[in-house]
Amino acid sequence: MNLGATWAKAWIRTSADVMSEHRVELINLDREIGDGDHGENMDRGFQAVLGKLDDLPADAAPGDVFKLVATTLISTVGGAAGPLYGTAFLKAAVAVAGALELDGAALVALLTAARDGIVLRGKAELGDKTMVDAWTPAVDAAAAAHEAGANDLDILIAAANAAEAGAVATEPWVARKGRASYLGERAIGHRDPGAQSSALLLRAAADTAAA
């Protein structure tokens, strides 16, 4: 699949399905070290986006899709996830503004901008047990794959694989940011829900490109 607006819309539709499918899983992860609303918020936010995708003009670019996602998530998702994911998609939209199709360099720019938006909004760093621990490995893997000459799909697969590994890696850590940081060592053994939802989102991007 060419990575134009059709792919961008399909990615978001797939993400909505995935967030709905994993809603309870994300709720349970968040209940263990947070306030338990992450799965509900992500599901509600992406369902709200679904209702607006068809309103985009026929000549919309991928950046237009991501801007719509950003504004919708910010206005409908509660907790920390709305501002964090909203900023991620807003920065991603700016990074690929005007591009009708995304190549490997654009994908790396998109992922990097999204990660940097999350860091800017949440002030978290790698190792803090947050969604940054999924996004930063994803960015690094995507950049390495692009530099090695990988095609667009393989860049997205590399990013998704790294994000999933990054989410798993948060389990034995003490959280240094967010609500989980108040738990101290009681957060050990629990996967960060934001890292998990990030991994699901990036896997959806790769799966959609492979379709």
C-alpha atoms as a PDB file:
ATOM      1  CA  MET A   1       0.000   0.000   0.000  1.00  0.00           C
ATOM      2  CA  ASN A   2       1.274   3.462  -0.876  1.00  0.00           C
ATOM      3  CA  LEU A   3       1.563   5.537   2.269  1.00  0.00           C
ATOM      4  CA  GLY A   4      -0.811   8.335   1.366  1.00  0.00           C
ATOM      5  CA  ALA A   5      -4.032   9.553   2.927  1.00  0.00           C
ATOM      6  CA  THR A   6      -5.741   6.222   2.263  1.00  0.00           C
ATOM      7  CA  TRP A   7      -3.122   4.473   4.367  1.00  0.00           C
ATOM      8  CA  ALA A   8      -3.267   7.147   7.068  1.00  0.00           C
ATOM      9  CA  LYS A   9      -7.051   6.788   7.365  1.00  0.00           C
ATOM     10  CA  ALA A  10      -6.793   2.985   7.342  1.00  0.00           C
ATOM     11  CA  TRP A  11      -4.156   3.142  10.075  1.00  0.00           C
ATOM     12  CA  ILE A  12      -6.456   5.189  12.275  1.00  0.00           C
ATOM     13  CA  ARG A  13      -9.429   2.908  11.588  1.00  0.00           C
ATOM     14  CA  THR A  14      -7.301  -0.124  12.449  1.00  0.00           C
ATOM     15  CA  SER A  15      -6.071   1.645  15.570  1.00  0.00           C
ATOM     16  CA  ALA A  16      -9.662   2.272  16.634  1.00  0.00           C
ATOM     17  CA  ASP A  17     -10.410  -1.436  16.238  1.00  0.00           C
ATOM     18  CA  VAL A  18      -7.265  -2.368  18.160  1.00  0.00           C
ATOM     19  CA  MET A  19      -7.984   0.033  21.022  1.00  0.00           C
ATOM     20  CA  SER A  20     -11.488  -1.368  21.298  1.00  0.00           C
ATOM     21  CA  GLU A  21     -10.184  -4.934  21.217  1.00  0.00           C
ATOM     22  CA  HIS A  22      -7.533  -4.233  23.885  1.00  0.00           C
ATOM     23  CA  ARG A  23      -9.647  -1.864  25.968  1.00  0.00           C
ATOM     24  CA  VAL A  24      -9.937  -4.194  28.955  1.00  0.00           C
ATOM     25  CA  GLU A  25      -6.245  -5.128  28.787  1.00  0.00           C
ATOM     26  CA  LEU A  26      -5.245  -1.457  28.921  1.00  0.00           C
ATOM     27  CA  ILE A  27      -7.730  -0.787  31.716  1.00  0.00           C
ATOM     28  CA  ASN A  28      -6.227  -3.610  33.759  1.00  0.00           C
ATOM     29  CA  LEU A  29      -2.649  -2.469  33.129  1.00  0.00           C
ATOM     30  CA  ASP A  30      -3.568   1.051  34.196  1.00  0.00           C
ATOM     31  CA  ARG A  31      -5.504  -0.158  37.215  1.00  0.00           C
ATOM     32  CA  GLU A  32      -2.346  -1.842  38.490  1.00  0.00           C
ATOM     33  CA  ILE A  33      -0.204   1.301  38.491  1.00  0.00           C
ATOM     34  CA  GLY A  34      -2.536   4.169  37.563  1.00  0.00           C
ATOM     35  CA  ASP A  35      -6.166   5.160  37.816  1.00  0.00           C
ATOM     36  CA  GLY A  36      -7.558   2.515  35.466  1.00  0.00           C
ATOM     37  CA  ASP A  37      -8.981   4.753  32.764  1.00  0.00           C
ATOM     38  CA  HIS A  38      -6.415   4.395  29.973  1.00  0.00           C
ATOM     39  CA  GLY A  39      -8.226   1.717  27.999  1.00  0.00           C
ATOM     40  CA  GLU A  40     -11.555   3.507  28.236  1.00  0.00           C
ATOM     41  CA  ASN A  41      -9.999   6.808  27.219  1.00  0.00           C
ATOM     42  CA  MET A  42      -8.131   5.387  24.239  1.00  0.00           C
ATOM     43  CA  ASP A  43     -11.194   3.542  22.992  1.00  0.00           C
ATOM     44  CA  ARG A  44     -13.415   6.594  23.349  1.00  0.00           C
ATOM     45  CA  GLY A  45     -10.879   8.864  21.672  1.00  0.00           C
ATOM     46  CA  PHE A  46     -10.330   6.733  18.593  1.00  0.00           C
ATOM     47  CA  GLN A  47     -14.040   6.040  18.226  1.00  0.00           C
ATOM     48  CA  ALA A  48     -14.539   9.807  18.166  1.00  0.00           C
ATOM     49  CA  VAL A  49     -11.924  10.096  15.425  1.00  0.00           C
ATOM     50  CA  LEU A  50     -13.753   7.462  13.375  1.00  0.00           C
ATOM     51  CA  GLY A  51     -16.810   9.660  13.279  1.00  0.00           C
ATOM     52  CA  LYS A  52     -14.841  12.476  11.666  1.00  0.00           C
ATOM     53  CA  LEU A  53     -12.568  10.733   9.145  1.00  0.00           C
ATOM     54  CA  ASP A  54     -15.180  10.737   6.401  1.00  0.00           C
ATOM     55  CA  ASP A  55     -15.527  14.495   6.738  1.00  0.00           C
ATOM     56  CA  LEU A  56     -12.027  15.063   5.389  1.00  0.00           C
ATOM     57  CA  PRO A  57     -11.881  16.413   1.823  1.00  0.00           C
ATOM     58  CA  ALA A  58     -11.061  14.047  -1.013  1.00  0.00           C
ATOM     59  CA  ASP A  59      -7.677  15.701  -1.549  1.00  0.00           C
ATOM     60  CA  ALA A  60      -6.608  15.401   2.098  1.00  0.00           C
ATOM     61  CA  ALA A  61      -2.970  14.526   2.736  1.00  0.00           C
ATOM     62  CA  PRO A  62      -1.652  12.261   5.517  1.00  0.00           C
ATOM     63  CA  GLY A  63      -0.805  15.347   7.566  1.00  0.00           C
ATOM     64  CA  ASP A  64      -4.442  16.418   7.416  1.00  0.00           C
ATOM     65  CA  VAL A  65      -5.487  13.045   8.803  1.00  0.00           C
ATOM     66  CA  PHE A  66      -3.005  13.288  11.663  1.00  0.00           C
ATOM     67  CA  LYS A  67      -4.092  16.842  12.499  1.00  0.00           C
ATOM     68  CA  LEU A  68      -7.699  15.663  12.734  1.00  0.00           C
ATOM     69  CA  VAL A  69      -6.625  12.830  15.029  1.00  0.00           C
ATOM     70  CA  ALA A  70      -4.694  15.278  17.198  1.00  0.00           C
ATOM     71  CA  THR A  71      -7.490  17.773  17.687  1.00  0.00           C
ATOM     72  CA  THR A  72     -10.047  15.042  18.323  1.00  0.00           C
ATOM     73  CA  LEU A  73      -7.959  13.191  20.888  1.00  0.00           C
ATOM     74  CA  ILE A  74      -7.116  16.393  22.729  1.00  0.00           C
ATOM     75  CA  SER A  75     -10.801  17.320  22.969  1.00  0.00           C
ATOM     76  CA  THR A  76     -12.199  13.884  23.862  1.00  0.00           C
ATOM     77  CA  VAL A  77      -9.586  11.877  25.763  1.00  0.00           C
ATOM     78  CA  GLY A  78      -9.225  12.459  29.465  1.00  0.00           C
ATOM     79  CA  GLY A  79      -6.227  11.962  31.696  1.00  0.00           C
ATOM     80  CA  ALA A  80      -2.690  12.295  30.413  1.00  0.00           C
ATOM     81  CA  ALA A  81      -3.288  10.299  27.236  1.00  0.00           C
ATOM     82  CA  GLY A  82      -5.255  12.992  25.401  1.00  0.00           C
ATOM     83  CA  PRO A  83      -2.630  15.729  25.581  1.00  0.00           C
ATOM     84  CA  LEU A  84       0.234  13.276  25.025  1.00  0.00           C
ATOM     85  CA  TYR A  85      -1.176  11.464  22.005  1.00  0.00           C
ATOM     86  CA  GLY A  86      -2.744  14.654  20.728  1.00  0.00           C
ATOM     87  CA  THR A  87       0.616  16.416  20.792  1.00  0.00           C
ATOM     88  CA  ALA A  88       2.260  13.398  19.162  1.00  0.00           C
ATOM     89  CA  PHE A  89      -0.132  13.431  16.222  1.00  0.00           C
ATOM     90  CA  LEU A  90      -0.017  17.229  15.951  1.00  0.00           C
ATOM     91  CA  LYS A  91       3.786  17.243  15.715  1.00  0.00           C
ATOM     92  CA  ALA A  92       3.633  14.340  13.263  1.00  0.00           C
ATOM     93  CA  ALA A  93       1.194  16.308  11.106  1.00  0.00           C
ATOM     94  CA  VAL A  94       3.582  19.252  10.985  1.00  0.00           C
ATOM     95  CA  ALA A  95       6.530  16.987  10.133  1.00  0.00           C
ATOM     96  CA  VAL A  96       4.828  15.607   7.011  1.00  0.00           C
ATOM     97  CA  ALA A  97       2.753  18.665   6.088  1.00  0.00           C
ATOM     98  CA  GLY A  98       2.145  18.913   2.339  1.00  0.00           C
ATOM     99  CA  ALA A  99       3.376  15.412   1.509  1.00  0.00           C
ATOM    100  CA  LEU A 100       0.808  13.400  -0.444  1.00  0.00           C
ATOM    101  CA  GLU A 101       2.718  10.146   0.074  1.00  0.00           C
ATOM    102  CA  LEU A 102       5.241   9.268   2.744  1.00  0.00           C
ATOM    103  CA  ASP A 103       8.584   7.672   1.957  1.00  0.00           C
ATOM    104  CA  GLY A 104      11.081   6.186   4.374  1.00  0.00           C
ATOM    105  CA  ALA A 105      12.573   9.533   5.332  1.00  0.00           C
ATOM    106  CA  ALA A 106       9.110  10.938   5.988  1.00  0.00           C
ATOM    107  CA  LEU A 107       8.210   7.965   8.178  1.00  0.00           C
ATOM    108  CA  VAL A 108      11.293   8.519  10.299  1.00  0.00           C
ATOM    109  CA  ALA A 109      10.467  12.220  10.522  1.00  0.00           C
ATOM    110  CA  LEU A 110       6.870  11.422  11.482  1.00  0.00           C
ATOM    111  CA  LEU A 111       7.849   9.001  14.241  1.00  0.00           C
ATOM    112  CA  THR A 112      10.582  11.284  15.538  1.00  0.00           C
ATOM    113  CA  ALA A 113       8.267  14.280  15.680  1.00  0.00           C
ATOM    114  CA  ALA A 114       5.587  12.242  17.458  1.00  0.00           C
ATOM    115  CA  ARG A 115       8.079  11.013  20.052  1.00  0.00           C
ATOM    116  CA  ASP A 116       9.492  14.497  20.547  1.00  0.00           C
ATOM    117  CA  GLY A 117       5.970  15.830  21.052  1.00  0.00           C
ATOM    118  CA  ILE A 118       5.359  13.286  23.783  1.00  0.00           C
ATOM    119  CA  VAL A 119       8.646  14.195  25.455  1.00  0.00           C
ATOM    120  CA  LEU A 120       7.825  17.897  25.205  1.00  0.00           C
ATOM    121  CA  ARG A 121       4.385  17.437  26.738  1.00  0.00           C
ATOM    122  CA  GLY A 122       5.192  14.833  29.364  1.00  0.00           C
ATOM    123  CA  LYS A 123       8.780  15.773  30.259  1.00  0.00           C
ATOM    124  CA  ALA A 124       9.667  12.075  30.401  1.00  0.00           C
ATOM    125  CA  GLU A 125      12.911  10.463  29.316  1.00  0.00           C
ATOM    126  CA  LEU A 126      13.929   6.985  28.266  1.00  0.00           C
ATOM    127  CA  GLY A 127      13.822   4.722  31.321  1.00  0.00           C
ATOM    128  CA  ASP A 128      11.109   6.638  33.185  1.00  0.00           C
ATOM    129  CA  LYS A 129       8.568   3.823  32.572  1.00  0.00           C
ATOM    130  CA  THR A 130       6.296   5.770  30.220  1.00  0.00           C
ATOM    131  CA  MET A 131       5.209   5.623  26.584  1.00  0.00           C
ATOM    132  CA  VAL A 132       8.562   7.204  25.703  1.00  0.00           C
ATOM    133  CA  ASP A 133      10.063   3.779  26.385  1.00  0.00           C
ATOM    134  CA  ALA A 134       8.103   2.412  23.422  1.00  0.00           C
ATOM    135  CA  TRP A 135       8.485   5.423  21.125  1.00  0.00           C
ATOM    136  CA  THR A 136      12.227   6.004  21.452  1.00  0.00           C
ATOM    137  CA  PRO A 137      13.209   2.429  20.503  1.00  0.00           C
ATOM    138  CA  ALA A 138      10.691   2.672  17.649  1.00  0.00           C
ATOM    139  CA  VAL A 139      12.300   5.863  16.350  1.00  0.00           C
ATOM    140  CA  ASP A 140      15.792   4.404  16.641  1.00  0.00           C
ATOM    141  CA  ALA A 141      14.788   1.187  14.881  1.00  0.00           C
ATOM    142  CA  ALA A 142      13.005   3.053  12.093  1.00  0.00           C
ATOM    143  CA  ALA A 143      16.000   5.316  11.529  1.00  0.00           C
ATOM    144  CA  ALA A 144      18.383   2.369  11.466  1.00  0.00           C
ATOM    145  CA  ALA A 145      16.173   0.462   9.022  1.00  0.00           C
ATOM    146  CA  HIS A 146      15.903   3.490   6.748  1.00  0.00           C
ATOM    147  CA  GLU A 147      19.660   4.007   6.793  1.00  0.00           C
ATOM    148  CA  ALA A 148      20.107   0.339   5.883  1.00  0.00           C
ATOM    149  CA  GLY A 149      17.911   0.808   2.816  1.00  0.00           C
ATOM    150  CA  ALA A 150      14.764  -0.911   4.095  1.00  0.00           C
ATOM    151  CA  ASN A 151      11.478  -0.305   2.309  1.00  0.00           C
ATOM    152  CA  ASP A 152       8.586   1.571   3.890  1.00  0.00           C
ATOM    153  CA  LEU A 153       6.851  -1.515   5.244  1.00  0.00           C
ATOM    154  CA  ASP A 154       9.998  -2.895   6.828  1.00  0.00           C
ATOM    155  CA  ILE A 155      10.660   0.472   8.469  1.00  0.00           C
ATOM    156  CA  LEU A 156       7.208   0.353  10.066  1.00  0.00           C
ATOM    157  CA  ILE A 157       7.679  -3.282  11.095  1.00  0.00           C
ATOM    158  CA  ALA A 158      11.027  -2.436  12.697  1.00  0.00           C
ATOM    159  CA  ALA A 159       9.395   0.405  14.597  1.00  0.00           C
ATOM    160  CA  ALA A 160       6.530  -1.805  15.782  1.00  0.00           C
ATOM    161  CA  ASN A 161       8.850  -4.603  16.885  1.00  0.00           C
ATOM    162  CA  ALA A 162      11.006  -2.184  18.846  1.00  0.00           C
ATOM    163  CA  ALA A 163       7.984  -0.535  20.456  1.00  0.00           C
ATOM    164  CA  GLU A 164       6.644  -3.896  21.607  1.00  0.00           C
ATOM    165  CA  ALA A 165      10.016  -4.826  23.087  1.00  0.00           C
ATOM    166  CA  GLY A 166      10.209  -1.429  24.729  1.00  0.00           C
ATOM    167  CA  ALA A 167       6.803  -1.849  26.335  1.00  0.00           C
ATOM    168  CA  VAL A 168       7.766  -5.255  27.737  1.00  0.00           C
ATOM    169  CA  ALA A 169      11.018  -3.799  29.053  1.00  0.00           C
ATOM    170  CA  THR A 170       9.108  -1.392  31.326  1.00  0.00           C
ATOM    171  CA  GLU A 171       7.798  -4.235  33.498  1.00  0.00           C
ATOM    172  CA  PRO A 172      10.727  -4.573  35.953  1.00  0.00           C
ATOM    173  CA  TRP A 173      11.301  -0.828  36.326  1.00  0.00           C
ATOM    174  CA  VAL A 174      10.386   1.675  39.000  1.00  0.00           C
ATOM    175  CA  ALA A 175       8.373   4.504  37.455  1.00  0.00           C
ATOM    176  CA  ARG A 176       9.881   7.976  37.578  1.00  0.00           C
ATOM    177  CA  LYS A 177       7.039   9.906  35.922  1.00  0.00           C
ATOM    178  CA  GLY A 178       3.268   9.960  36.062  1.00  0.00           C
ATOM    179  CA  ARG A 179       0.873   8.491  38.597  1.00  0.00           C
ATOM    180  CA  ALA A 180       2.859   5.258  38.747  1.00  0.00           C
ATOM    181  CA  SER A 181       5.845   7.146  40.168  1.00  0.00           C
ATOM    182  CA  TYR A 182       3.969   7.490  43.470  1.00  0.00           C
ATOM    183  CA  LEU A 183       3.985   3.720  43.885  1.00  0.00           C
ATOM    184  CA  GLY A 184       7.741   3.368  44.136  1.00  0.00           C
ATOM    185  CA  GLU A 185       8.821  -0.273  44.031  1.00  0.00           C
ATOM    186  CA  ARG A 186       5.189  -1.417  43.903  1.00  0.00           C
ATOM    187  CA  ALA A 187       5.238  -0.503  40.196  1.00  0.00           C
ATOM    188  CA  ILE A 188       7.837  -3.197  39.583  1.00  0.00           C
ATOM    189  CA  GLY A 189       6.430  -6.121  37.636  1.00  0.00           C
ATOM    190  CA  HIS A 190       3.760  -4.087  35.845  1.00  0.00           C
ATOM    191  CA  ARG A 191       3.942  -2.958  32.225  1.00  0.00           C
ATOM    192  CA  ASP A 192       3.356   0.707  31.535  1.00  0.00           C
ATOM    193  CA  PRO A 193      -0.080   1.085  29.911  1.00  0.00           C
ATOM    194  CA  GLY A 194       0.971   4.038  27.765  1.00  0.00           C
ATOM    195  CA  ALA A 195       3.915   2.107  26.391  1.00  0.00           C
ATOM    196  CA  GLN A 196       1.573  -0.782  25.627  1.00  0.00           C
ATOM    197  CA  SER A 197      -0.981   1.378  23.810  1.00  0.00           C
ATOM    198  CA  SER A 198       1.870   2.977  21.862  1.00  0.00           C
ATOM    199  CA  ALA A 199       3.078  -0.444  20.783  1.00  0.00           C
ATOM    200  CA  LEU A 200      -0.443  -1.355  19.683  1.00  0.00           C
ATOM    201  CA  LEU A 201      -0.686   1.869  17.694  1.00  0.00           C
ATOM    202  CA  LEU A 202       2.602   1.330  15.888  1.00  0.00           C
ATOM    203  CA  ARG A 203       1.792  -2.304  15.135  1.00  0.00           C
ATOM    204  CA  ALA A 204      -1.461  -1.108  13.579  1.00  0.00           C
ATOM    205  CA  ALA A 205       0.547   1.227  11.324  1.00  0.00           C
ATOM    206  CA  ALA A 206       2.657  -1.668  10.077  1.00  0.00           C
ATOM    207  CA  ASP A 207      -0.270  -4.062   9.702  1.00  0.00           C
ATOM    208  CA  THR A 208      -2.183  -1.495   7.674  1.00  0.00           C
ATOM    209  CA  ALA A 209       0.764  -0.898   5.359  1.00  0.00           C
ATOM    210  CA  ALA A 210       1.063  -4.645   4.815  1.00  0.00           C
ATOM    211  CA  ALA A 211      -2.588  -5.060   3.874  1.00  0.00           C
END
